[in-house]
Protein backbone atom coordinates (compact mmCIF):
# COMPACT_ATOMS: atom_id res chain seq x y z
CA MET A 1 -31.52 29.24 -33.05
CA ILE A 2 -33.92 26.70 -30.47
CA ARG A 3 -32.24 24.66 -28.27
CA GLU A 4 -34.47 21.29 -27.79
CA PRO A 5 -34.90 20.00 -24.65
CA VAL A 6 -32.80 16.39 -24.26
CA VAL A 7 -34.21 15.27 -20.27
CA SER A 8 -38.15 16.12 -21.22
CA GLY A 9 -40.30 13.10 -20.06
CA SER A 10 -37.40 11.21 -18.57
CA PHE A 11 -36.34 13.85 -15.25
CA TYR A 12 -40.02 16.09 -15.84
CA PRO A 13 -43.29 15.78 -17.44
CA GLY A 14 -42.67 16.25 -21.32
CA ASN A 15 -46.87 16.80 -21.67
CA PRO A 16 -47.62 20.72 -21.04
CA SER A 17 -50.81 20.08 -18.54
CA ILE A 18 -48.89 17.39 -16.66
CA LEU A 19 -45.63 19.35 -16.32
CA ASN A 20 -48.03 22.37 -15.06
CA GLU A 21 -49.95 20.39 -12.51
CA GLU A 22 -46.57 19.19 -11.29
CA LEU A 23 -44.70 22.36 -10.87
CA GLY A 24 -47.78 23.66 -8.94
CA LYS A 25 -47.42 20.91 -6.28
CA HIS A 26 -43.77 21.37 -6.00
CA ILE A 27 -43.44 25.14 -5.80
CA ARG A 28 -43.97 26.56 -2.21
CA PHE A 29 -44.73 30.46 -2.54
CA ALA A 30 -43.17 31.76 0.49
CA GLU A 31 -45.57 34.85 1.92
CA THR A 32 -42.51 37.17 1.83
CA LYS A 33 -40.42 36.50 -1.13
CA LYS A 34 -36.48 37.66 -0.75
CA LYS A 35 -35.41 39.61 -3.22
CA ALA A 36 -32.27 37.44 -3.39
CA VAL A 37 -28.88 38.07 -5.49
CA GLY A 38 -28.43 34.38 -5.79
CA LEU A 39 -30.19 31.05 -5.44
CA ILE A 40 -29.03 27.16 -4.96
CA VAL A 41 -31.12 24.47 -6.10
CA PRO A 42 -30.66 20.80 -6.73
CA HIS A 43 -31.59 19.21 -10.40
CA ALA A 44 -32.22 15.69 -10.20
CA GLY A 45 -35.03 14.35 -11.73
CA TYR A 46 -38.51 16.22 -10.30
CA VAL A 47 -39.59 13.23 -8.67
CA PHE A 48 -36.66 13.10 -6.51
CA SER A 49 -35.41 16.84 -6.58
CA GLY A 50 -38.81 18.90 -7.47
CA ARG A 51 -39.74 19.58 -4.51
CA CYS A 52 -36.56 20.89 -2.70
CA ALA A 53 -36.10 23.14 -5.93
CA GLY A 54 -39.97 24.22 -5.86
CA LYS A 55 -39.09 25.45 -2.44
CA GLY A 56 -36.05 27.61 -3.40
CA PHE A 57 -37.78 28.92 -6.44
CA GLY A 58 -40.72 30.09 -4.51
CA ALA A 59 -38.76 31.45 -1.64
CA VAL A 60 -37.14 34.46 -4.18
CA GLU A 61 -38.62 36.79 -6.77
CA ILE A 62 -37.90 35.38 -9.86
CA PRO A 63 -36.71 38.92 -11.73
CA GLY A 64 -37.10 39.51 -15.68
CA THR A 65 -33.45 37.91 -16.11
CA VAL A 66 -31.70 34.86 -14.69
CA ILE A 67 -28.37 33.45 -14.79
CA ILE A 68 -28.15 29.60 -14.55
CA LEU A 69 -24.86 28.32 -13.69
CA GLY A 70 -25.01 24.40 -14.27
CA VAL A 71 -22.83 21.57 -14.45
CA ASN A 72 -20.59 20.03 -17.23
CA HIS A 73 -21.54 16.56 -16.39
CA HIS A 74 -20.07 15.66 -19.76
CA ASN A 75 -17.13 17.73 -19.86
CA ILE A 76 -17.12 18.44 -23.26
CA GLY A 77 -17.15 22.11 -24.78
CA HIS A 78 -15.31 24.96 -23.00
CA ALA A 79 -15.19 25.24 -19.33
CA PHE A 80 -17.01 28.59 -18.95
CA ALA A 81 -19.14 27.78 -22.08
CA VAL A 82 -21.87 30.53 -22.35
CA ASP A 83 -24.84 29.12 -24.27
CA GLY A 84 -25.36 30.36 -27.71
CA HIS A 85 -29.03 29.52 -28.83
CA ASP A 86 -31.57 32.45 -29.02
CA TYR A 87 -34.10 30.34 -27.39
CA TRP A 88 -34.59 27.11 -24.97
CA LYS A 89 -37.69 24.96 -25.79
CA THR A 90 -39.73 24.35 -22.81
CA PRO A 91 -42.88 22.31 -22.97
CA LEU A 92 -44.76 25.47 -21.16
CA GLY A 93 -43.09 27.70 -24.21
CA GLU A 94 -39.75 29.04 -25.32
CA VAL A 95 -37.77 30.58 -22.74
CA GLN A 96 -35.49 33.39 -24.73
CA ILE A 97 -31.68 34.02 -24.04
CA ALA A 98 -30.53 37.08 -22.71
CA GLN A 99 -28.37 37.92 -25.75
CA GLU A 100 -26.90 41.21 -24.76
CA LEU A 101 -25.70 40.14 -21.81
CA ARG A 102 -24.08 37.30 -23.47
CA GLU A 103 -22.22 39.75 -25.72
CA LYS A 104 -21.35 41.59 -23.20
CA LEU A 105 -19.97 38.80 -21.01
CA THR A 106 -17.93 37.28 -23.71
CA ALA A 107 -16.64 40.24 -25.24
CA ALA A 108 -14.73 41.35 -22.23
CA SER A 109 -13.87 38.20 -20.67
CA ALA A 110 -10.70 36.37 -20.82
CA LEU A 111 -12.34 33.31 -19.13
CA PHE A 112 -16.14 32.91 -21.09
CA LYS A 113 -16.64 32.10 -24.45
CA VAL A 114 -19.88 31.40 -26.64
CA ASP A 115 -20.22 27.34 -26.82
CA THR A 116 -23.47 25.52 -27.85
CA ILE A 117 -21.38 22.49 -27.41
CA ALA A 118 -20.92 21.82 -23.77
CA SER A 119 -24.81 22.35 -22.34
CA SER A 120 -25.95 20.55 -25.48
CA GLN A 121 -26.80 17.33 -23.26
CA GLU A 122 -26.72 18.81 -20.11
CA HIS A 123 -29.84 18.44 -18.05
CA SER A 124 -28.77 20.80 -14.76
CA ILE A 125 -29.87 23.68 -16.47
CA GLU A 126 -32.51 22.42 -18.25
CA VAL A 127 -34.47 20.93 -15.43
CA GLN A 128 -34.44 24.83 -14.09
CA SER A 129 -36.22 26.19 -16.96
CA PRO A 130 -39.74 25.11 -16.66
CA PHE A 131 -39.65 26.57 -13.05
CA ILE A 132 -38.39 30.17 -14.08
CA LYS A 133 -41.01 29.72 -17.08
CA TYR A 134 -43.75 28.54 -14.99
CA ILE A 135 -43.40 31.70 -12.49
CA ASN A 136 -42.31 34.40 -14.52
CA PRO A 137 -43.13 33.54 -18.49
CA ASN A 138 -41.15 36.66 -19.47
CA ALA A 139 -38.39 35.86 -18.09
CA ARG A 140 -35.36 35.56 -19.75
CA ILE A 141 -32.22 33.19 -18.77
CA LEU A 142 -28.38 33.20 -19.48
CA PRO A 143 -27.53 29.59 -19.39
CA ILE A 144 -23.50 29.13 -18.58
CA SER A 145 -22.12 25.62 -17.87
CA ILE A 146 -18.61 25.55 -15.78
CA ALA A 147 -16.68 22.76 -15.73
CA LEU A 148 -14.14 22.32 -12.51
CA ALA A 149 -11.55 24.97 -12.37
CA ASP A 150 -9.09 26.29 -9.94
CA ILE A 151 -10.15 28.71 -7.55
CA LYS A 152 -8.79 31.73 -8.94
CA ARG A 153 -10.49 31.10 -11.95
CA LEU A 154 -13.76 30.32 -10.54
CA VAL A 155 -13.33 33.60 -8.05
CA ASP A 156 -12.31 35.56 -11.05
CA ALA A 157 -15.40 34.37 -13.17
CA GLY A 158 -17.91 35.38 -10.25
CA LYS A 159 -16.34 38.71 -10.52
CA GLU A 160 -16.67 39.12 -13.98
CA ILE A 161 -20.45 38.32 -13.76
CA ALA A 162 -21.11 40.76 -10.94
CA ALA A 163 -19.62 43.33 -12.85
CA LEU A 164 -21.88 42.42 -15.79
CA VAL A 165 -25.24 42.95 -13.71
CA LYS A 166 -23.83 45.72 -10.93
CA ASP A 167 -26.10 48.12 -12.58
CA ASN A 168 -28.71 45.66 -13.45
CA PRO A 169 -30.83 44.64 -10.14
CA ASP A 170 -33.41 42.67 -12.22
CA VAL A 171 -31.22 39.52 -11.96
CA LEU A 172 -30.73 36.48 -10.19
CA ILE A 173 -27.97 34.20 -10.47
CA VAL A 174 -28.99 30.51 -10.08
CA ALA A 175 -26.36 27.70 -8.88
CA SER A 176 -27.87 24.22 -9.91
CA THR A 177 -26.10 21.77 -8.16
CA ASP A 178 -26.73 18.46 -6.18
CA MET A 179 -25.01 17.55 -2.93
CA SER A 180 -23.50 13.77 -1.63
CA HIS A 181 -23.90 11.52 -4.06
CA TYR A 182 -24.00 7.62 -3.39
CA ILE A 183 -23.56 7.33 0.13
CA SER A 184 -25.99 6.72 3.24
CA ALA A 185 -27.94 10.07 4.29
CA GLU A 186 -26.20 10.12 7.67
CA ARG A 187 -22.97 10.54 6.35
CA ALA A 188 -23.90 12.77 3.33
CA ARG A 189 -25.22 15.24 6.44
CA ASP A 190 -22.27 15.13 8.12
CA LYS A 191 -20.08 15.68 5.13
CA ASP A 192 -22.96 18.17 3.08
CA LYS A 193 -23.24 20.27 6.49
CA ASN A 194 -19.71 21.33 6.04
CA ALA A 195 -20.30 22.68 2.34
CA ILE A 196 -23.14 24.27 3.64
CA ALA A 197 -21.30 26.05 6.41
CA LYS A 198 -19.25 27.52 3.77
CA ILE A 199 -21.95 29.04 1.89
CA GLU A 200 -23.64 30.46 4.91
CA ASN A 201 -19.93 32.39 5.49
CA LEU A 202 -20.07 33.34 1.97
CA ASP A 203 -17.08 31.82 1.98
CA PRO A 204 -16.17 30.67 -1.90
CA GLU A 205 -12.80 30.03 -1.17
CA GLY A 206 -13.88 27.84 1.93
CA LEU A 207 -16.59 26.08 0.36
CA TYR A 208 -13.86 25.11 -2.37
CA ASN A 209 -11.24 23.85 -0.03
CA ALA A 210 -13.94 22.02 2.00
CA VAL A 211 -15.22 20.04 -1.04
CA MET A 212 -11.42 19.09 -1.94
CA MET A 213 -10.24 18.32 0.95
CA GLU A 214 -13.07 16.47 2.23
CA ARG A 215 -14.15 14.77 -1.12
CA ILE A 216 -17.46 16.00 -0.76
CA SER A 217 -19.40 14.68 -4.29
CA MET A 218 -21.09 18.17 -4.83
CA CYS A 219 -21.30 18.08 -8.58
CA GLY A 220 -22.15 21.67 -8.97
CA MET A 221 -19.34 23.06 -6.36
CA ALA A 222 -17.90 25.19 -9.35
CA GLY A 223 -20.79 27.15 -10.46
CA THR A 224 -21.93 27.51 -6.60
CA VAL A 225 -18.52 29.00 -6.02
CA VAL A 226 -18.74 31.36 -9.20
CA MET A 227 -21.99 32.47 -7.45
CA LEU A 228 -21.16 33.02 -4.34
CA ALA A 229 -18.04 35.25 -5.89
CA ALA A 230 -20.53 37.24 -7.66
CA ALA A 231 -22.74 37.90 -4.95
CA LYS A 232 -19.82 38.73 -2.40
CA ALA A 233 -18.98 41.20 -4.87
CA LEU A 234 -22.38 42.56 -5.76
CA GLY A 235 -22.86 43.17 -1.84
CA ALA A 236 -24.43 40.10 -0.53
CA THR A 237 -24.39 39.78 2.92
CA LYS A 238 -26.37 36.59 4.45
CA ALA A 239 -26.85 32.97 3.19
CA GLU A 240 -29.93 30.78 4.13
CA VAL A 241 -30.99 27.49 4.38
CA ILE A 242 -34.26 26.43 2.49
CA ASP A 243 -34.31 23.00 2.56
CA TYR A 244 -32.22 20.58 2.92
CA THR A 245 -33.51 16.44 1.77
CA ASN A 246 -32.22 13.25 -0.10
CA SER A 247 -33.64 10.79 -2.49
CA GLY A 248 -33.78 8.89 0.49
CA VAL A 249 -37.30 10.19 0.95
CA VAL A 250 -38.98 9.14 -1.97
CA MET A 251 -37.08 5.81 -1.99
CA GLY A 252 -37.45 4.89 1.22
CA ASP A 253 -33.74 3.40 1.00
CA TYR A 254 -31.51 5.85 2.91
CA ASN A 255 -28.44 3.67 2.62
CA ARG A 256 -27.17 4.74 -0.71
CA VAL A 257 -28.97 8.57 -1.40
CA VAL A 258 -28.13 11.90 -3.48
CA ALA A 259 -28.58 15.02 -1.02
CA TYR A 260 -30.38 18.02 -2.49
CA LEU A 261 -30.02 21.46 -1.07
CA SER A 262 -31.97 24.74 -1.83
CA MET A 263 -30.21 28.13 -0.62
CA MET A 264 -30.95 31.74 -1.02
CA VAL A 265 -28.13 34.40 -1.18
CA TYR A 266 -29.08 37.83 -0.27
């Protein structure tokens, strides 16, 4: 069963040669890539956040398996939905799903379930797939859509993912999120710095509380909390900002922006 792309041609080019060229411009490979446990990257249209995402993907090693924790923007399907397809199609070719990890995760979990509905119209996972395919054509992915839930379930979900991959160092956990939405660039930076500080401290509970109490419109907070909890359980000790920017850089309007962040956890 193959998942067809739903935002190809809108969020990113649907033409393979144009997409290749655009990814080549956006991705900036670090001289020395980090062996990261987790990565945070944005998921807007490439014209807005592609360069920020490209800096993130270019700063770390892209291993054989990438778990992508996306947002359930449409609020459909299961809250912790592990995609049920065999492949995800991209303009650069199909990306295989890590089926054995899916089966292992869902068989032992009270939280995660196989669900093809939650990500059926979801862009937050889809826009990451071409980056992964471009950098490591043989990489497999495990797409998971995460809805907002209480902090205990999010941390428990992270621990389950950690248990899934603890004996497999060839896995990267990607949290897909944009930061503050539709406020001035100055206000976005002020709000987001509080969330970023919690990520830098590897504090999933602190991130959850900061976003909820300070009303930071970080759409992928839930997946980021799950990633942080998993990374901590896997022994990560540091988090580092790679890039922080906003849509005003492209649009020229800094009064109403969406902010974008890339960070690595290692």
